[in-house]
């Protein structure tokens, strides 16, 4: 299971979203994907779940702006190695990978955008 799939799973996204994240197209894919019937996506209350987790967490975490705090809140490894692996998985530009602050900013924004793209109700102010 990839890092992003772990995030989806921790937030209660359905198996369909987790499977789709794990089967994202890669450079080695040569056969065209077959179209499947559209599946209804149940919205996931990302904000509500994260706020509930934050309220019961022993540390005060600034998950709305920090990828480290977001990963800690979800009980995931937030080490630089783990964040680099997640950034690589999500396609972080090479110029940001060499600067941990730039990578972290890109990663936080991208994770929230991907949660929204997978059916999570993420407030617009967190997507920018």
N, C-alpha and C. Protein backbone atom coordinates (compact mmCIF):
# COMPACT_ATOMS: atom_id res chain seq x y z
N UNK A 1 0.86 -1.18 0.00
CA UNK A 1 0.00 0.00 0.00
C UNK A 1 0.90 1.23 0.00
N UNK A 2 0.62 2.17 -0.92
CA UNK A 2 1.39 3.40 -1.00
C UNK A 2 1.04 4.36 0.12
N UNK A 3 1.84 5.39 0.27
CA UNK A 3 1.60 6.37 1.32
C UNK A 3 0.26 7.07 1.14
N UNK A 4 -0.07 7.48 -0.09
CA UNK A 4 -1.33 8.17 -0.29
C UNK A 4 -2.51 7.24 -0.03
N UNK A 5 -2.38 5.99 -0.40
CA UNK A 5 -3.43 5.02 -0.10
C UNK A 5 -3.64 4.89 1.40
N UNK A 6 -2.56 4.98 2.17
CA UNK A 6 -2.66 4.93 3.63
C UNK A 6 -3.45 6.13 4.15
N UNK A 7 -3.21 7.30 3.56
CA UNK A 7 -3.94 8.50 3.96
C UNK A 7 -5.43 8.33 3.66
N UNK A 8 -5.74 7.85 2.45
CA UNK A 8 -7.14 7.62 2.09
C UNK A 8 -7.80 6.64 3.06
N UNK A 9 -7.10 5.57 3.36
CA UNK A 9 -7.64 4.55 4.25
C UNK A 9 -7.88 5.11 5.65
N UNK A 10 -6.93 5.88 6.18
CA UNK A 10 -7.06 6.46 7.53
C UNK A 10 -8.27 7.39 7.62
N UNK A 11 -8.62 8.04 6.51
CA UNK A 11 -9.74 8.98 6.51
C UNK A 11 -11.06 8.34 6.14
N UNK A 12 -11.05 7.03 5.91
CA UNK A 12 -12.29 6.31 5.66
C UNK A 12 -12.80 6.37 4.24
N UNK A 13 -11.91 6.65 3.29
CA UNK A 13 -12.33 6.60 1.90
C UNK A 13 -12.60 5.14 1.56
N UNK A 14 -13.55 4.92 0.69
CA UNK A 14 -13.93 3.57 0.33
C UNK A 14 -12.82 2.81 -0.37
N UNK A 15 -12.97 1.52 -0.44
CA UNK A 15 -11.98 0.67 -1.09
C UNK A 15 -11.75 1.06 -2.54
N UNK A 16 -12.79 1.58 -3.20
CA UNK A 16 -12.67 1.98 -4.60
C UNK A 16 -11.63 3.09 -4.75
N UNK A 17 -11.68 4.10 -3.87
CA UNK A 17 -10.74 5.22 -3.94
C UNK A 17 -9.33 4.75 -3.63
N UNK A 18 -9.17 3.89 -2.65
CA UNK A 18 -7.85 3.38 -2.28
C UNK A 18 -7.28 2.56 -3.43
N UNK A 19 -8.10 1.69 -4.03
CA UNK A 19 -7.64 0.87 -5.16
C UNK A 19 -7.27 1.74 -6.35
N UNK A 20 -8.04 2.79 -6.60
CA UNK A 20 -7.74 3.69 -7.72
C UNK A 20 -6.42 4.41 -7.49
N UNK A 21 -6.16 4.81 -6.26
CA UNK A 21 -4.90 5.50 -5.94
C UNK A 21 -3.72 4.56 -6.12
N UNK A 22 -3.91 3.29 -5.78
CA UNK A 22 -2.84 2.32 -5.92
C UNK A 22 -2.59 1.94 -7.37
N UNK A 23 -3.59 2.11 -8.22
CA UNK A 23 -3.45 1.73 -9.62
C UNK A 23 -3.33 2.95 -10.52
N UNK A 24 -2.81 4.05 -9.99
CA UNK A 24 -2.61 5.25 -10.80
C UNK A 24 -1.70 4.90 -11.96
N UNK A 25 -1.93 5.51 -13.11
CA UNK A 25 -1.11 5.20 -14.29
C UNK A 25 0.36 5.48 -14.02
N UNK A 26 1.20 4.59 -14.52
CA UNK A 26 2.64 4.79 -14.38
C UNK A 26 3.27 4.83 -15.76
N UNK A 27 4.53 5.15 -15.81
CA UNK A 27 5.23 5.24 -17.09
C UNK A 27 5.35 3.89 -17.77
N UNK A 28 5.19 2.80 -17.01
CA UNK A 28 5.34 1.47 -17.59
C UNK A 28 4.04 0.92 -18.16
N UNK A 29 2.94 1.65 -17.99
CA UNK A 29 1.66 1.19 -18.50
C UNK A 29 1.65 1.34 -20.01
N UNK A 30 1.39 0.23 -20.72
CA UNK A 30 1.38 0.29 -22.18
C UNK A 30 0.00 0.04 -22.76
N UNK A 31 -0.79 -0.75 -22.09
CA UNK A 31 -2.13 -1.05 -22.59
C UNK A 31 -3.09 0.06 -22.17
N UNK A 32 -3.99 0.47 -23.07
CA UNK A 32 -4.94 1.49 -22.68
C UNK A 32 -5.90 0.96 -21.62
N UNK A 33 -6.26 1.81 -20.71
CA UNK A 33 -7.18 1.41 -19.64
C UNK A 33 -8.57 1.23 -20.23
N UNK A 34 -9.24 0.20 -19.81
CA UNK A 34 -10.61 -0.02 -20.27
C UNK A 34 -11.54 0.83 -19.44
N UNK A 35 -12.51 1.41 -20.09
CA UNK A 35 -13.48 2.24 -19.38
C UNK A 35 -14.38 1.33 -18.55
N UNK A 36 -14.63 1.75 -17.34
CA UNK A 36 -15.53 0.99 -16.49
C UNK A 36 -16.74 1.85 -16.19
N UNK A 37 -17.76 1.22 -15.73
CA UNK A 37 -18.98 1.97 -15.39
C UNK A 37 -18.68 2.94 -14.26
N UNK A 38 -19.21 4.15 -14.33
CA UNK A 38 -18.96 5.11 -13.26
C UNK A 38 -19.49 4.59 -11.93
N UNK A 39 -18.73 4.87 -10.90
CA UNK A 39 -19.12 4.45 -9.56
C UNK A 39 -19.40 5.69 -8.74
N UNK A 40 -20.50 5.68 -8.02
CA UNK A 40 -20.83 6.82 -7.17
C UNK A 40 -19.81 6.90 -6.04
N UNK A 41 -19.33 8.12 -5.81
CA UNK A 41 -18.36 8.33 -4.75
C UNK A 41 -19.11 8.91 -3.56
N UNK A 42 -19.00 8.26 -2.42
CA UNK A 42 -19.60 8.79 -1.20
C UNK A 42 -18.66 9.86 -0.66
N UNK A 43 -19.17 11.07 -0.41
CA UNK A 43 -18.29 12.12 0.09
C UNK A 43 -17.76 11.77 1.48
N UNK A 44 -16.52 12.12 1.71
CA UNK A 44 -15.88 11.88 2.99
C UNK A 44 -15.68 13.24 3.65
N UNK A 45 -16.10 13.36 4.89
CA UNK A 45 -15.97 14.61 5.64
C UNK A 45 -14.54 14.73 6.16
N UNK A 46 -13.62 15.13 5.27
CA UNK A 46 -12.21 15.23 5.62
C UNK A 46 -12.01 16.24 6.75
N UNK A 47 -12.57 17.43 6.59
CA UNK A 47 -12.41 18.47 7.61
C UNK A 47 -12.93 18.00 8.96
N UNK A 48 -14.14 17.44 8.99
CA UNK A 48 -14.72 16.98 10.24
C UNK A 48 -13.88 15.91 10.91
N UNK A 49 -13.40 14.96 10.12
CA UNK A 49 -12.59 13.88 10.68
C UNK A 49 -11.27 14.41 11.23
N UNK A 50 -10.62 15.31 10.48
CA UNK A 50 -9.34 15.84 10.94
C UNK A 50 -9.50 16.71 12.18
N UNK A 51 -10.57 17.49 12.21
CA UNK A 51 -10.81 18.32 13.40
C UNK A 51 -11.11 17.46 14.62
N UNK A 52 -11.84 16.37 14.43
CA UNK A 52 -12.13 15.46 15.55
C UNK A 52 -10.85 14.79 16.04
N UNK A 53 -10.00 14.37 15.11
CA UNK A 53 -8.73 13.77 15.50
C UNK A 53 -7.86 14.79 16.24
N UNK A 54 -7.84 16.03 15.73
CA UNK A 54 -7.03 17.08 16.36
C UNK A 54 -7.52 17.38 17.78
N UNK A 55 -8.83 17.36 17.98
CA UNK A 55 -9.40 17.66 19.30
C UNK A 55 -9.00 16.61 20.33
N UNK A 56 -8.81 15.37 19.90
CA UNK A 56 -8.45 14.31 20.83
C UNK A 56 -6.96 14.00 20.85
N UNK A 57 -6.18 14.70 20.04
CA UNK A 57 -4.74 14.43 19.96
C UNK A 57 -4.02 15.14 21.11
N UNK A 58 -3.05 14.48 21.75
CA UNK A 58 -2.36 15.09 22.88
C UNK A 58 -1.52 16.33 22.50
N UNK A 59 -1.04 16.39 21.26
CA UNK A 59 -0.27 17.55 20.79
C UNK A 59 -1.18 18.51 20.05
N UNK A 60 -0.84 19.80 20.10
CA UNK A 60 -1.56 20.77 19.28
C UNK A 60 -0.88 20.77 17.92
N UNK A 61 -1.56 20.23 16.93
CA UNK A 61 -0.98 20.09 15.59
C UNK A 61 -1.61 21.09 14.62
N UNK A 62 -0.77 21.71 13.81
CA UNK A 62 -1.22 22.68 12.83
C UNK A 62 -1.38 21.99 11.47
N UNK A 63 -2.27 21.01 11.40
CA UNK A 63 -2.43 20.17 10.21
C UNK A 63 -2.95 20.93 9.01
N UNK A 64 -3.54 22.10 9.20
CA UNK A 64 -4.10 22.86 8.08
C UNK A 64 -3.01 23.48 7.20
N UNK A 65 -1.79 23.58 7.71
CA UNK A 65 -0.69 24.14 6.91
C UNK A 65 0.55 23.26 6.89
N UNK A 66 0.63 22.26 7.75
CA UNK A 66 1.84 21.46 7.88
C UNK A 66 1.59 20.00 7.48
N UNK A 67 2.34 19.54 6.48
CA UNK A 67 2.21 18.13 6.07
C UNK A 67 2.73 17.22 7.18
N UNK A 68 3.75 17.66 7.92
CA UNK A 68 4.27 16.86 9.03
C UNK A 68 3.16 16.65 10.07
N UNK A 69 2.49 17.75 10.44
CA UNK A 69 1.43 17.64 11.44
C UNK A 69 0.24 16.84 10.91
N UNK A 70 -0.08 16.98 9.63
CA UNK A 70 -1.17 16.21 9.04
C UNK A 70 -0.87 14.72 9.12
N UNK A 71 0.36 14.35 8.78
CA UNK A 71 0.74 12.93 8.83
C UNK A 71 0.76 12.42 10.27
N UNK A 72 1.25 13.23 11.20
CA UNK A 72 1.24 12.84 12.62
C UNK A 72 -0.19 12.63 13.10
N UNK A 73 -1.07 13.54 12.71
CA UNK A 73 -2.47 13.45 13.13
C UNK A 73 -3.10 12.14 12.67
N UNK A 74 -2.70 11.67 11.49
CA UNK A 74 -3.24 10.43 10.94
C UNK A 74 -2.49 9.19 11.44
N UNK A 75 -1.49 9.41 12.30
CA UNK A 75 -0.75 8.28 12.85
C UNK A 75 0.22 7.67 11.85
N UNK A 76 0.66 8.47 10.89
CA UNK A 76 1.58 7.98 9.86
C UNK A 76 3.00 8.49 10.12
N UNK A 77 3.97 7.81 9.57
CA UNK A 77 5.36 8.23 9.65
C UNK A 77 5.49 9.59 8.96
N UNK A 78 6.00 10.59 9.68
CA UNK A 78 6.14 11.93 9.10
C UNK A 78 7.60 12.30 8.90
N UNK A 79 8.48 11.32 8.93
CA UNK A 79 9.91 11.58 8.75
C UNK A 79 10.17 12.13 7.35
N UNK A 80 11.34 12.74 7.17
CA UNK A 80 11.71 13.28 5.87
C UNK A 80 11.70 12.17 4.82
N UNK A 81 12.17 11.00 5.19
CA UNK A 81 12.19 9.87 4.25
C UNK A 81 10.77 9.52 3.80
N UNK A 82 9.83 9.47 4.74
CA UNK A 82 8.44 9.15 4.41
C UNK A 82 7.83 10.25 3.54
N UNK A 83 8.11 11.51 3.87
CA UNK A 83 7.57 12.62 3.07
C UNK A 83 8.14 12.62 1.67
N UNK A 84 9.43 12.29 1.54
CA UNK A 84 10.04 12.21 0.20
C UNK A 84 9.39 11.08 -0.61
N UNK A 85 9.12 9.97 0.05
CA UNK A 85 8.47 8.84 -0.65
C UNK A 85 7.06 9.24 -1.10
N UNK A 86 6.32 9.94 -0.24
CA UNK A 86 4.98 10.40 -0.61
C UNK A 86 5.07 11.42 -1.75
N UNK A 87 6.02 12.33 -1.67
CA UNK A 87 6.20 13.34 -2.72
C UNK A 87 6.54 12.67 -4.05
N UNK A 88 7.39 11.67 -4.02
CA UNK A 88 7.75 10.93 -5.24
C UNK A 88 6.51 10.23 -5.80
N UNK A 89 5.75 9.59 -4.92
CA UNK A 89 4.53 8.88 -5.32
C UNK A 89 3.54 9.82 -5.99
N UNK A 90 3.45 11.06 -5.51
CA UNK A 90 2.48 12.02 -6.04
C UNK A 90 3.03 12.88 -7.17
N UNK A 91 4.29 12.67 -7.54
CA UNK A 91 4.86 13.36 -8.69
C UNK A 91 5.39 14.75 -8.41
N UNK A 92 6.00 14.95 -7.27
CA UNK A 92 6.56 16.25 -6.92
C UNK A 92 7.64 16.64 -7.93
N UNK A 93 7.62 17.89 -8.40
CA UNK A 93 8.65 18.35 -9.34
C UNK A 93 10.05 18.23 -8.72
N UNK A 94 11.02 17.88 -9.53
CA UNK A 94 12.39 17.66 -9.05
C UNK A 94 12.97 18.88 -8.36
N UNK A 95 12.65 20.08 -8.84
CA UNK A 95 13.21 21.29 -8.23
C UNK A 95 12.72 21.50 -6.80
N UNK A 96 11.58 20.94 -6.45
CA UNK A 96 11.07 21.07 -5.08
C UNK A 96 11.55 19.95 -4.17
N UNK A 97 11.93 18.83 -4.77
CA UNK A 97 12.39 17.69 -3.97
C UNK A 97 13.69 18.02 -3.23
N UNK A 98 14.53 18.89 -3.79
CA UNK A 98 15.80 19.23 -3.18
C UNK A 98 15.69 20.24 -2.04
N UNK A 99 14.53 20.85 -1.90
CA UNK A 99 14.31 21.86 -0.87
C UNK A 99 13.15 21.37 0.00
N UNK A 100 13.47 20.91 1.21
CA UNK A 100 12.44 20.26 2.02
C UNK A 100 11.26 21.18 2.33
N UNK A 101 11.51 22.48 2.53
CA UNK A 101 10.41 23.40 2.80
C UNK A 101 9.49 23.51 1.59
N UNK A 102 10.07 23.68 0.40
CA UNK A 102 9.27 23.77 -0.83
C UNK A 102 8.52 22.46 -1.08
N UNK A 103 9.18 21.35 -0.83
CA UNK A 103 8.54 20.05 -1.02
C UNK A 103 7.37 19.89 -0.05
N UNK A 104 7.56 20.29 1.21
CA UNK A 104 6.50 20.16 2.20
C UNK A 104 5.28 21.00 1.83
N UNK A 105 5.50 22.22 1.37
CA UNK A 105 4.39 23.10 0.96
C UNK A 105 3.65 22.46 -0.21
N UNK A 106 4.39 22.02 -1.22
CA UNK A 106 3.78 21.37 -2.39
C UNK A 106 3.02 20.12 -1.96
N UNK A 107 3.63 19.34 -1.09
CA UNK A 107 3.05 18.07 -0.66
C UNK A 107 1.74 18.29 0.10
N UNK A 108 1.70 19.24 1.00
CA UNK A 108 0.49 19.52 1.77
C UNK A 108 -0.65 19.90 0.84
N UNK A 109 -0.38 20.83 -0.06
CA UNK A 109 -1.39 21.29 -1.00
C UNK A 109 -1.86 20.14 -1.90
N UNK A 110 -0.94 19.36 -2.39
CA UNK A 110 -1.27 18.26 -3.30
C UNK A 110 -2.08 17.17 -2.59
N UNK A 111 -1.72 16.83 -1.37
CA UNK A 111 -2.47 15.81 -0.62
C UNK A 111 -3.92 16.26 -0.44
N UNK A 112 -4.12 17.52 -0.03
CA UNK A 112 -5.49 18.01 0.17
C UNK A 112 -6.25 18.04 -1.16
N UNK A 113 -5.59 18.45 -2.24
CA UNK A 113 -6.25 18.45 -3.55
C UNK A 113 -6.63 17.05 -3.98
N UNK A 114 -5.76 16.08 -3.75
CA UNK A 114 -6.06 14.70 -4.13
C UNK A 114 -7.17 14.10 -3.26
N UNK A 115 -7.22 14.51 -1.99
CA UNK A 115 -8.32 14.06 -1.14
C UNK A 115 -9.65 14.58 -1.70
N UNK A 116 -9.65 15.85 -2.11
CA UNK A 116 -10.86 16.44 -2.71
C UNK A 116 -11.21 15.73 -4.01
N UNK A 117 -10.21 15.43 -4.83
CA UNK A 117 -10.44 14.76 -6.11
C UNK A 117 -10.98 13.34 -5.93
N UNK A 118 -10.73 12.75 -4.78
CA UNK A 118 -11.21 11.39 -4.50
C UNK A 118 -12.52 11.38 -3.72
N UNK A 119 -13.19 12.54 -3.63
CA UNK A 119 -14.49 12.58 -3.00
C UNK A 119 -14.51 13.17 -1.61
N UNK A 120 -13.39 13.72 -1.16
CA UNK A 120 -13.35 14.34 0.15
C UNK A 120 -13.86 15.77 0.09
N UNK A 121 -14.61 16.17 1.10
CA UNK A 121 -15.10 17.55 1.11
C UNK A 121 -14.07 18.40 1.86
N UNK A 122 -13.12 18.92 1.13
CA UNK A 122 -12.07 19.75 1.67
C UNK A 122 -12.43 21.19 1.36
N UNK A 123 -12.49 22.06 2.39
CA UNK A 123 -12.84 23.45 2.15
C UNK A 123 -11.90 24.13 1.16
N UNK A 124 -12.43 25.00 0.31
CA UNK A 124 -11.66 25.66 -0.73
C UNK A 124 -10.45 26.42 -0.17
N UNK A 125 -10.58 27.00 1.02
CA UNK A 125 -9.46 27.77 1.58
C UNK A 125 -8.26 26.88 1.92
N UNK A 126 -8.46 25.59 2.05
CA UNK A 126 -7.34 24.68 2.31
C UNK A 126 -6.70 24.16 1.02
N UNK A 127 -7.33 24.42 -0.11
CA UNK A 127 -6.84 23.91 -1.38
C UNK A 127 -5.91 24.87 -2.10
N UNK A 128 -5.70 26.03 -1.54
CA UNK A 128 -4.86 27.04 -2.23
C UNK A 128 -3.55 27.26 -1.53
